[in-house]
Amino acid sequence: MSFERPDNRHPNGPTAVTPLQDPVTFPAAAIRLFELTLAEIEQRLGVGSLEAIRAKHNLALVHAARGEPGHAVALLEEAAAAAVDGLGNDHPETLAVLVDLAVATVHTGQAALGLRRAEDLLPVLVRVLGDEDPATASCRGLLGCDHNP
């Protein structure tokens, strides 16, 4: 396992990725541990807590990176519902989850639904987060528009 040294001299280069950091090779046991941690966070803090929403969002991203978009969409839909209810429509975490939901939906083969989600979301992203935010850029990239309207 590699690690970042305090003097920034990494044995495999400064951007080396360990097996635990690579979602494609992420061990099933580690994913199960994340699922158990998520369940405990939701039990202790509630499904609408920022910590629970972020944990579910991150777990969904691992599944998406592993080529499991259906699993990712299910988790992102749950995270999106919890984020809207717990944080509100305009919260940055809610918007980040919704962008990733649109992307994952496209990857499940439901391009029309994913693109419709992105089209509906883009004006909100621009209004709340601005043109330069990574979530706005991701949404624009999904829609195929590389520049500002």
N, C-alpha and C. Protein backbone atom coordinates (compact mmCIF):
# COMPACT_ATOMS: atom_id res chain seq x y z
N MET A 1 0.86 -1.18 0.00
CA MET A 1 0.00 0.00 0.00
C MET A 1 0.89 1.23 0.00
N SER A 2 0.58 2.19 -0.82
CA SER A 2 1.37 3.41 -0.89
C SER A 2 0.76 4.47 0.02
N PHE A 3 1.53 5.50 0.28
CA PHE A 3 1.07 6.58 1.14
C PHE A 3 1.79 7.84 0.73
N GLU A 4 1.23 8.98 1.08
CA GLU A 4 1.84 10.27 0.78
C GLU A 4 2.81 10.61 1.91
N ARG A 5 4.05 10.82 1.56
CA ARG A 5 5.05 11.17 2.57
C ARG A 5 4.99 12.66 2.85
N PRO A 6 5.34 13.04 4.08
CA PRO A 6 5.27 14.47 4.43
C PRO A 6 6.12 15.34 3.52
N ASP A 7 7.25 14.80 3.01
CA ASP A 7 8.11 15.60 2.16
C ASP A 7 7.72 15.48 0.69
N ASN A 8 6.56 14.87 0.41
CA ASN A 8 6.00 14.73 -0.93
C ASN A 8 6.84 13.84 -1.85
N ARG A 9 7.73 13.01 -1.28
CA ARG A 9 8.48 12.06 -2.10
C ARG A 9 7.76 10.72 -2.01
N HIS A 10 6.96 10.46 -2.98
CA HIS A 10 6.14 9.26 -3.02
C HIS A 10 6.91 8.16 -3.73
N PRO A 11 6.92 6.93 -3.22
CA PRO A 11 7.71 5.87 -3.85
C PRO A 11 7.29 5.56 -5.29
N ASN A 12 6.04 5.82 -5.66
CA ASN A 12 5.56 5.55 -7.01
C ASN A 12 5.19 6.81 -7.76
N GLY A 13 5.63 7.94 -7.28
CA GLY A 13 5.26 9.22 -7.89
C GLY A 13 4.20 9.90 -7.06
N PRO A 14 4.06 11.21 -7.18
CA PRO A 14 3.15 11.96 -6.30
C PRO A 14 1.68 11.65 -6.50
N THR A 15 1.29 11.04 -7.61
CA THR A 15 -0.13 10.77 -7.83
C THR A 15 -0.43 9.28 -7.89
N ALA A 16 0.40 8.48 -7.25
CA ALA A 16 0.17 7.03 -7.27
C ALA A 16 -1.16 6.71 -6.62
N VAL A 17 -1.84 5.71 -7.14
CA VAL A 17 -3.13 5.26 -6.63
C VAL A 17 -2.96 3.87 -6.05
N THR A 18 -3.45 3.68 -4.84
CA THR A 18 -3.40 2.37 -4.21
C THR A 18 -4.61 1.57 -4.65
N PRO A 19 -4.58 0.24 -4.46
CA PRO A 19 -5.76 -0.55 -4.81
C PRO A 19 -7.03 -0.08 -4.10
N LEU A 20 -6.89 0.44 -2.88
CA LEU A 20 -8.08 0.91 -2.16
C LEU A 20 -8.60 2.23 -2.71
N GLN A 21 -7.75 2.99 -3.41
CA GLN A 21 -8.19 4.26 -3.98
C GLN A 21 -8.79 4.07 -5.37
N ASP A 22 -8.52 2.95 -6.01
CA ASP A 22 -9.00 2.70 -7.36
C ASP A 22 -10.36 2.01 -7.27
N PRO A 23 -11.46 2.71 -7.62
CA PRO A 23 -12.78 2.12 -7.44
C PRO A 23 -13.02 0.88 -8.28
N VAL A 24 -12.32 0.73 -9.38
CA VAL A 24 -12.53 -0.43 -10.23
C VAL A 24 -12.07 -1.71 -9.54
N THR A 25 -10.97 -1.61 -8.79
CA THR A 25 -10.44 -2.79 -8.11
C THR A 25 -10.79 -2.79 -6.62
N PHE A 26 -11.65 -1.89 -6.23
CA PHE A 26 -12.03 -1.76 -4.83
C PHE A 26 -12.60 -3.09 -4.34
N PRO A 27 -12.06 -3.65 -3.28
CA PRO A 27 -12.53 -4.96 -2.81
C PRO A 27 -13.99 -4.93 -2.33
N ALA A 28 -14.69 -6.01 -2.61
CA ALA A 28 -16.09 -6.12 -2.19
C ALA A 28 -16.22 -5.97 -0.68
N ALA A 29 -15.24 -6.47 0.07
CA ALA A 29 -15.30 -6.36 1.52
C ALA A 29 -15.25 -4.90 1.97
N ALA A 30 -14.48 -4.08 1.26
CA ALA A 30 -14.42 -2.66 1.61
C ALA A 30 -15.75 -1.98 1.29
N ILE A 31 -16.37 -2.35 0.18
CA ILE A 31 -17.68 -1.79 -0.15
C ILE A 31 -18.69 -2.19 0.92
N ARG A 32 -18.63 -3.43 1.36
CA ARG A 32 -19.55 -3.88 2.42
C ARG A 32 -19.33 -3.07 3.69
N LEU A 33 -18.09 -2.76 4.00
CA LEU A 33 -17.79 -1.95 5.17
C LEU A 33 -18.38 -0.55 5.01
N PHE A 34 -18.28 0.02 3.81
CA PHE A 34 -18.90 1.32 3.56
C PHE A 34 -20.41 1.24 3.73
N GLU A 35 -21.02 0.17 3.27
CA GLU A 35 -22.46 0.00 3.41
C GLU A 35 -22.86 -0.08 4.89
N LEU A 36 -22.08 -0.80 5.68
CA LEU A 36 -22.37 -0.89 7.11
C LEU A 36 -22.18 0.46 7.80
N THR A 37 -21.15 1.18 7.39
CA THR A 37 -20.91 2.51 7.95
C THR A 37 -22.04 3.45 7.59
N LEU A 38 -22.49 3.38 6.34
CA LEU A 38 -23.62 4.20 5.91
C LEU A 38 -24.85 3.90 6.74
N ALA A 39 -25.13 2.63 6.96
CA ALA A 39 -26.30 2.25 7.75
C ALA A 39 -26.20 2.81 9.17
N GLU A 40 -25.01 2.78 9.74
CA GLU A 40 -24.85 3.31 11.10
C GLU A 40 -25.01 4.83 11.12
N ILE A 41 -24.45 5.50 10.12
CA ILE A 41 -24.61 6.96 10.04
C ILE A 41 -26.08 7.33 9.91
N GLU A 42 -26.80 6.60 9.05
CA GLU A 42 -28.22 6.90 8.86
C GLU A 42 -29.00 6.63 10.14
N GLN A 43 -28.63 5.57 10.86
CA GLN A 43 -29.33 5.26 12.11
C GLN A 43 -29.06 6.32 13.18
N ARG A 44 -27.83 6.75 13.28
CA ARG A 44 -27.46 7.69 14.34
C ARG A 44 -27.82 9.14 14.00
N LEU A 45 -27.61 9.54 12.75
CA LEU A 45 -27.78 10.95 12.38
C LEU A 45 -29.01 11.21 11.51
N GLY A 46 -29.55 10.16 10.93
CA GLY A 46 -30.72 10.30 10.06
C GLY A 46 -30.33 10.30 8.59
N VAL A 47 -31.24 9.81 7.75
CA VAL A 47 -30.94 9.70 6.32
C VAL A 47 -30.80 11.07 5.66
N GLY A 48 -31.37 12.09 6.26
CA GLY A 48 -31.29 13.43 5.69
C GLY A 48 -30.11 14.24 6.17
N SER A 49 -29.24 13.64 6.99
CA SER A 49 -28.07 14.38 7.47
C SER A 49 -27.06 14.52 6.34
N LEU A 50 -26.31 15.59 6.37
CA LEU A 50 -25.30 15.83 5.35
C LEU A 50 -24.31 14.67 5.28
N GLU A 51 -23.92 14.14 6.43
CA GLU A 51 -22.96 13.04 6.46
C GLU A 51 -23.51 11.79 5.78
N ALA A 52 -24.78 11.48 6.03
CA ALA A 52 -25.40 10.30 5.42
C ALA A 52 -25.55 10.49 3.91
N ILE A 53 -25.94 11.67 3.51
CA ILE A 53 -26.11 11.95 2.08
C ILE A 53 -24.76 11.84 1.37
N ARG A 54 -23.71 12.40 1.96
CA ARG A 54 -22.39 12.32 1.34
C ARG A 54 -21.89 10.88 1.30
N ALA A 55 -22.13 10.13 2.36
CA ALA A 55 -21.68 8.73 2.38
C ALA A 55 -22.38 7.92 1.29
N LYS A 56 -23.68 8.11 1.14
CA LYS A 56 -24.43 7.39 0.11
C LYS A 56 -23.99 7.85 -1.29
N HIS A 57 -23.77 9.14 -1.44
CA HIS A 57 -23.31 9.69 -2.71
C HIS A 57 -21.96 9.07 -3.09
N ASN A 58 -21.04 9.03 -2.14
CA ASN A 58 -19.72 8.46 -2.41
C ASN A 58 -19.80 6.97 -2.74
N LEU A 59 -20.62 6.25 -2.02
CA LEU A 59 -20.79 4.82 -2.31
C LEU A 59 -21.35 4.63 -3.72
N ALA A 60 -22.28 5.48 -4.11
CA ALA A 60 -22.83 5.41 -5.47
C ALA A 60 -21.75 5.66 -6.51
N LEU A 61 -20.86 6.61 -6.24
CA LEU A 61 -19.79 6.91 -7.19
C LEU A 61 -18.83 5.73 -7.34
N VAL A 62 -18.59 5.01 -6.25
CA VAL A 62 -17.75 3.81 -6.34
C VAL A 62 -18.41 2.78 -7.25
N HIS A 63 -19.71 2.58 -7.08
CA HIS A 63 -20.43 1.63 -7.93
C HIS A 63 -20.42 2.09 -9.39
N ALA A 64 -20.58 3.37 -9.62
CA ALA A 64 -20.54 3.88 -10.99
C ALA A 64 -19.17 3.64 -11.62
N ALA A 65 -18.11 3.91 -10.87
CA ALA A 65 -16.76 3.71 -11.39
C ALA A 65 -16.45 2.23 -11.64
N ARG A 66 -17.10 1.36 -10.90
CA ARG A 66 -16.92 -0.08 -11.09
C ARG A 66 -17.74 -0.61 -12.26
N GLY A 67 -18.46 0.27 -12.95
CA GLY A 67 -19.27 -0.16 -14.08
C GLY A 67 -20.60 -0.74 -13.66
N GLU A 68 -21.13 -0.26 -12.54
CA GLU A 68 -22.41 -0.72 -12.01
C GLU A 68 -23.38 0.46 -11.94
N PRO A 69 -23.74 1.02 -13.11
CA PRO A 69 -24.57 2.23 -13.08
C PRO A 69 -25.96 2.02 -12.50
N GLY A 70 -26.52 0.83 -12.65
CA GLY A 70 -27.85 0.58 -12.07
C GLY A 70 -27.83 0.70 -10.55
N HIS A 71 -26.81 0.13 -9.94
CA HIS A 71 -26.67 0.22 -8.49
C HIS A 71 -26.42 1.68 -8.09
N ALA A 72 -25.59 2.35 -8.89
CA ALA A 72 -25.29 3.76 -8.61
C ALA A 72 -26.56 4.61 -8.67
N VAL A 73 -27.39 4.38 -9.69
CA VAL A 73 -28.62 5.17 -9.84
C VAL A 73 -29.54 4.95 -8.64
N ALA A 74 -29.68 3.71 -8.21
CA ALA A 74 -30.55 3.44 -7.06
C ALA A 74 -30.09 4.21 -5.82
N LEU A 75 -28.78 4.18 -5.57
CA LEU A 75 -28.24 4.90 -4.41
C LEU A 75 -28.36 6.41 -4.59
N LEU A 76 -28.12 6.89 -5.81
CA LEU A 76 -28.21 8.33 -6.06
C LEU A 76 -29.64 8.83 -5.96
N GLU A 77 -30.60 8.02 -6.38
CA GLU A 77 -32.01 8.42 -6.23
C GLU A 77 -32.37 8.55 -4.75
N GLU A 78 -31.89 7.60 -3.94
CA GLU A 78 -32.13 7.69 -2.49
C GLU A 78 -31.44 8.92 -1.91
N ALA A 79 -30.19 9.14 -2.31
CA ALA A 79 -29.44 10.30 -1.80
C ALA A 79 -30.09 11.61 -2.24
N ALA A 80 -30.57 11.65 -3.48
CA ALA A 80 -31.21 12.86 -3.99
C ALA A 80 -32.48 13.17 -3.21
N ALA A 81 -33.30 12.15 -2.97
CA ALA A 81 -34.54 12.36 -2.21
C ALA A 81 -34.22 12.86 -0.80
N ALA A 82 -33.22 12.24 -0.16
CA ALA A 82 -32.83 12.64 1.19
C ALA A 82 -32.26 14.06 1.18
N ALA A 83 -31.48 14.39 0.15
CA ALA A 83 -30.87 15.71 0.07
C ALA A 83 -31.93 16.80 -0.13
N VAL A 84 -32.87 16.55 -1.01
CA VAL A 84 -33.93 17.54 -1.24
C VAL A 84 -34.73 17.74 0.04
N ASP A 85 -35.08 16.63 0.71
CA ASP A 85 -35.86 16.72 1.94
C ASP A 85 -35.06 17.34 3.09
N GLY A 86 -33.80 16.93 3.23
CA GLY A 86 -33.01 17.35 4.39
C GLY A 86 -32.23 18.64 4.21
N LEU A 87 -31.80 18.92 2.97
CA LEU A 87 -30.93 20.08 2.73
C LEU A 87 -31.59 21.15 1.89
N GLY A 88 -32.54 20.75 1.07
CA GLY A 88 -33.22 21.70 0.19
C GLY A 88 -32.73 21.58 -1.25
N ASN A 89 -33.53 22.12 -2.15
CA ASN A 89 -33.26 22.01 -3.59
C ASN A 89 -31.98 22.70 -4.03
N ASP A 90 -31.60 23.78 -3.37
CA ASP A 90 -30.47 24.60 -3.82
C ASP A 90 -29.17 24.34 -3.06
N HIS A 91 -29.15 23.36 -2.19
CA HIS A 91 -27.92 23.08 -1.45
C HIS A 91 -26.88 22.49 -2.40
N PRO A 92 -25.62 22.90 -2.29
CA PRO A 92 -24.58 22.38 -3.19
C PRO A 92 -24.47 20.85 -3.20
N GLU A 93 -24.66 20.20 -2.07
CA GLU A 93 -24.59 18.73 -2.06
C GLU A 93 -25.77 18.13 -2.82
N THR A 94 -26.95 18.72 -2.66
CA THR A 94 -28.11 18.25 -3.41
C THR A 94 -27.83 18.36 -4.90
N LEU A 95 -27.30 19.49 -5.32
CA LEU A 95 -27.02 19.70 -6.74
C LEU A 95 -25.96 18.74 -7.26
N ALA A 96 -24.94 18.47 -6.46
CA ALA A 96 -23.90 17.52 -6.87
C ALA A 96 -24.47 16.12 -7.05
N VAL A 97 -25.34 15.72 -6.14
CA VAL A 97 -25.98 14.41 -6.24
C VAL A 97 -26.84 14.35 -7.50
N LEU A 98 -27.59 15.40 -7.77
CA LEU A 98 -28.47 15.42 -8.93
C LEU A 98 -27.69 15.36 -10.25
N VAL A 99 -26.54 16.03 -10.31
CA VAL A 99 -25.71 15.95 -11.52
C VAL A 99 -25.23 14.52 -11.72
N ASP A 100 -24.72 13.91 -10.65
CA ASP A 100 -24.23 12.54 -10.76
C ASP A 100 -25.35 11.57 -11.07
N LEU A 101 -26.55 11.85 -10.60
CA LEU A 101 -27.71 11.02 -10.94
C LEU A 101 -28.00 11.12 -12.44
N ALA A 102 -27.94 12.30 -13.00
CA ALA A 102 -28.17 12.47 -14.43
C ALA A 102 -27.14 11.69 -15.24
N VAL A 103 -25.88 11.81 -14.85
CA VAL A 103 -24.80 11.10 -15.55
C VAL A 103 -24.99 9.59 -15.46
N ALA A 104 -25.24 9.09 -14.25
CA ALA A 104 -25.41 7.65 -14.06
C ALA A 104 -26.63 7.13 -14.81
N THR A 105 -27.68 7.93 -14.87
CA THR A 105 -28.88 7.53 -15.59
C THR A 105 -28.58 7.33 -17.07
N VAL A 106 -27.80 8.22 -17.65
CA VAL A 106 -27.39 8.06 -19.05
C VAL A 106 -26.62 6.76 -19.22
N HIS A 107 -25.75 6.45 -18.27
CA HIS A 107 -24.92 5.24 -18.36
C HIS A 107 -25.71 3.96 -18.18
N THR A 108 -26.93 4.04 -17.68
CA THR A 108 -27.77 2.84 -17.59
C THR A 108 -28.49 2.58 -18.91
N GLY A 109 -28.31 3.46 -19.88
CA GLY A 109 -28.99 3.30 -21.15
C GLY A 109 -30.25 4.13 -21.26
N GLN A 110 -30.55 4.90 -20.23
CA GLN A 110 -31.73 5.76 -20.23
C GLN A 110 -31.31 7.19 -20.55
N ALA A 111 -30.76 7.35 -21.76
CA ALA A 111 -30.20 8.65 -22.15
C ALA A 111 -31.23 9.76 -22.10
N ALA A 112 -32.43 9.52 -22.59
CA ALA A 112 -33.45 10.57 -22.63
C ALA A 112 -33.76 11.08 -21.22
N LEU A 113 -33.92 10.17 -20.28
CA LEU A 113 -34.21 10.57 -18.90
C LEU A 113 -33.03 11.32 -18.29
N GLY A 114 -31.82 10.79 -18.48
CA GLY A 114 -30.64 11.44 -17.92
C GLY A 114 -30.42 12.83 -18.49
N LEU A 115 -30.60 12.97 -19.79
CA LEU A 115 -30.41 14.27 -20.42
C LEU A 115 -31.50 15.25 -20.01
N ARG A 116 -32.72 14.76 -19.85
CA ARG A 116 -33.80 15.64 -19.37
C ARG A 116 -33.49 16.13 -17.96
N ARG A 117 -32.98 15.23 -17.12
CA ARG A 117 -32.59 15.65 -15.76
C ARG A 117 -31.52 16.74 -15.83
N ALA A 118 -30.53 16.54 -16.70
CA ALA A 118 -29.44 17.51 -16.83
C ALA A 118 -29.95 18.85 -17.36
N GLU A 119 -30.83 18.81 -18.35
CA GLU A 119 -31.39 20.05 -18.90
C GLU A 119 -32.16 20.83 -17.85
N ASP A 120 -32.93 20.12 -17.03
CA ASP A 120 -33.69 20.78 -15.97
C ASP A 120 -32.77 21.36 -14.89
N LEU A 121 -31.65 20.71 -14.68
CA LEU A 121 -30.74 21.07 -13.60
C LEU A 121 -29.80 22.20 -13.96
N LEU A 122 -29.41 22.31 -15.22
CA LEU A 122 -28.39 23.29 -15.61
C LEU A 122 -28.71 24.72 -15.19
N PRO A 123 -29.91 25.24 -15.41
CA PRO A 123 -30.17 26.62 -14.99
C PRO A 123 -30.03 26.81 -13.47
N VAL A 124 -30.40 25.81 -12.71
CA VAL A 124 -30.27 25.89 -11.25
C VAL A 124 -28.80 25.90 -10.86
N LEU A 125 -28.01 25.05 -11.50
CA LEU A 125 -26.57 25.01 -11.22
C LEU A 125 -25.92 26.36 -11.50
N VAL A 126 -26.25 26.95 -12.63
CA VAL A 126 -25.67 28.24 -13.00
C VAL A 126 -26.09 29.30 -11.98
N ARG A 127 -27.36 29.31 -11.61
CA ARG A 127 -27.87 30.31 -10.67
C ARG A 127 -27.25 30.17 -9.29
N VAL A 128 -27.14 28.93 -8.80
CA VAL A 128 -26.70 28.70 -7.42
C VAL A 128 -25.18 28.59 -7.31
N LEU A 129 -24.57 27.81 -8.20
CA LEU A 129 -23.14 27.53 -8.07
C LEU A 129 -22.26 28.36 -9.00
N GLY A 130 -22.85 28.87 -10.06
CA GLY A 130 -22.10 29.68 -11.01
C GLY A 130 -21.59 28.87 -12.20
N ASP A 131 -21.11 29.60 -13.18
CA ASP A 131 -20.65 29.01 -14.43
C ASP A 131 -19.40 28.16 -14.29
N GLU A 132 -18.54 28.49 -13.34
CA GLU A 132 -17.24 27.84 -13.24
C GLU A 132 -17.21 26.65 -12.30
N ASP A 133 -18.30 26.35 -11.63
CA ASP A 133 -18.33 25.24 -10.68
C ASP A 133 -18.17 23.90 -11.41
N PRO A 134 -17.45 22.95 -10.81
CA PRO A 134 -17.28 21.63 -11.45
C PRO A 134 -18.60 20.91 -11.73
N ALA A 135 -19.59 21.06 -10.87
CA ALA A 135 -20.88 20.41 -11.11
C ALA A 135 -21.55 21.00 -12.35
N THR A 136 -21.44 22.31 -12.52
CA THR A 136 -22.00 22.96 -13.71
C THR A 136 -21.27 22.47 -14.96
N ALA A 137 -19.96 22.38 -14.87
CA ALA A 137 -19.16 21.90 -16.01
C ALA A 137 -19.51 20.45 -16.35
N SER A 138 -19.71 19.63 -15.34
CA SER A 138 -20.07 18.23 -15.57
C SER A 138 -21.42 18.14 -16.26
N CYS A 139 -22.37 18.94 -15.82
CA CYS A 139 -23.70 18.94 -16.43
C CYS A 139 -23.62 19.41 -17.87
N ARG A 140 -22.87 20.48 -18.11
CA ARG A 140 -22.69 20.98 -19.49
C ARG A 140 -22.03 19.92 -20.36
N GLY A 141 -21.03 19.22 -19.80
CA GLY A 141 -20.35 18.18 -20.55
C GLY A 141 -21.31 17.06 -20.94
N LEU A 142 -22.19 16.69 -20.04
CA LEU A 142 -23.16 15.66 -20.33
C LEU A 142 -24.09 16.08 -21.46
N LEU A 143 -24.45 17.35 -21.45
CA LEU A 143 -25.35 17.88 -22.46
C LEU A 143 -24.63 18.22 -23.77
N GLY A 144 -23.31 18.16 -23.74
CA GLY A 144 -22.54 18.44 -24.95
C GLY A 144 -22.35 19.90 -25.25
N CYS A 145 -22.54 20.75 -24.24
CA CYS A 145 -22.29 22.17 -24.45
C CYS A 145 -21.08 22.57 -23.62
N ASP A 146 -19.98 22.86 -24.31
CA ASP A 146 -18.71 23.15 -23.64
C ASP A 146 -18.55 24.60 -23.24
N HIS A 147 -19.47 25.43 -23.64
CA HIS A 147 -19.34 26.86 -23.34
C HIS A 147 -20.58 27.36 -22.63
N ASN A 148 -20.48 28.53 -22.10
CA ASN A 148 -21.63 29.15 -21.41
C ASN A 148 -22.65 29.61 -22.44
N PRO A 149 -23.94 29.52 -22.08
CA PRO A 149 -24.98 29.98 -23.02
C PRO A 149 -24.93 31.48 -23.22
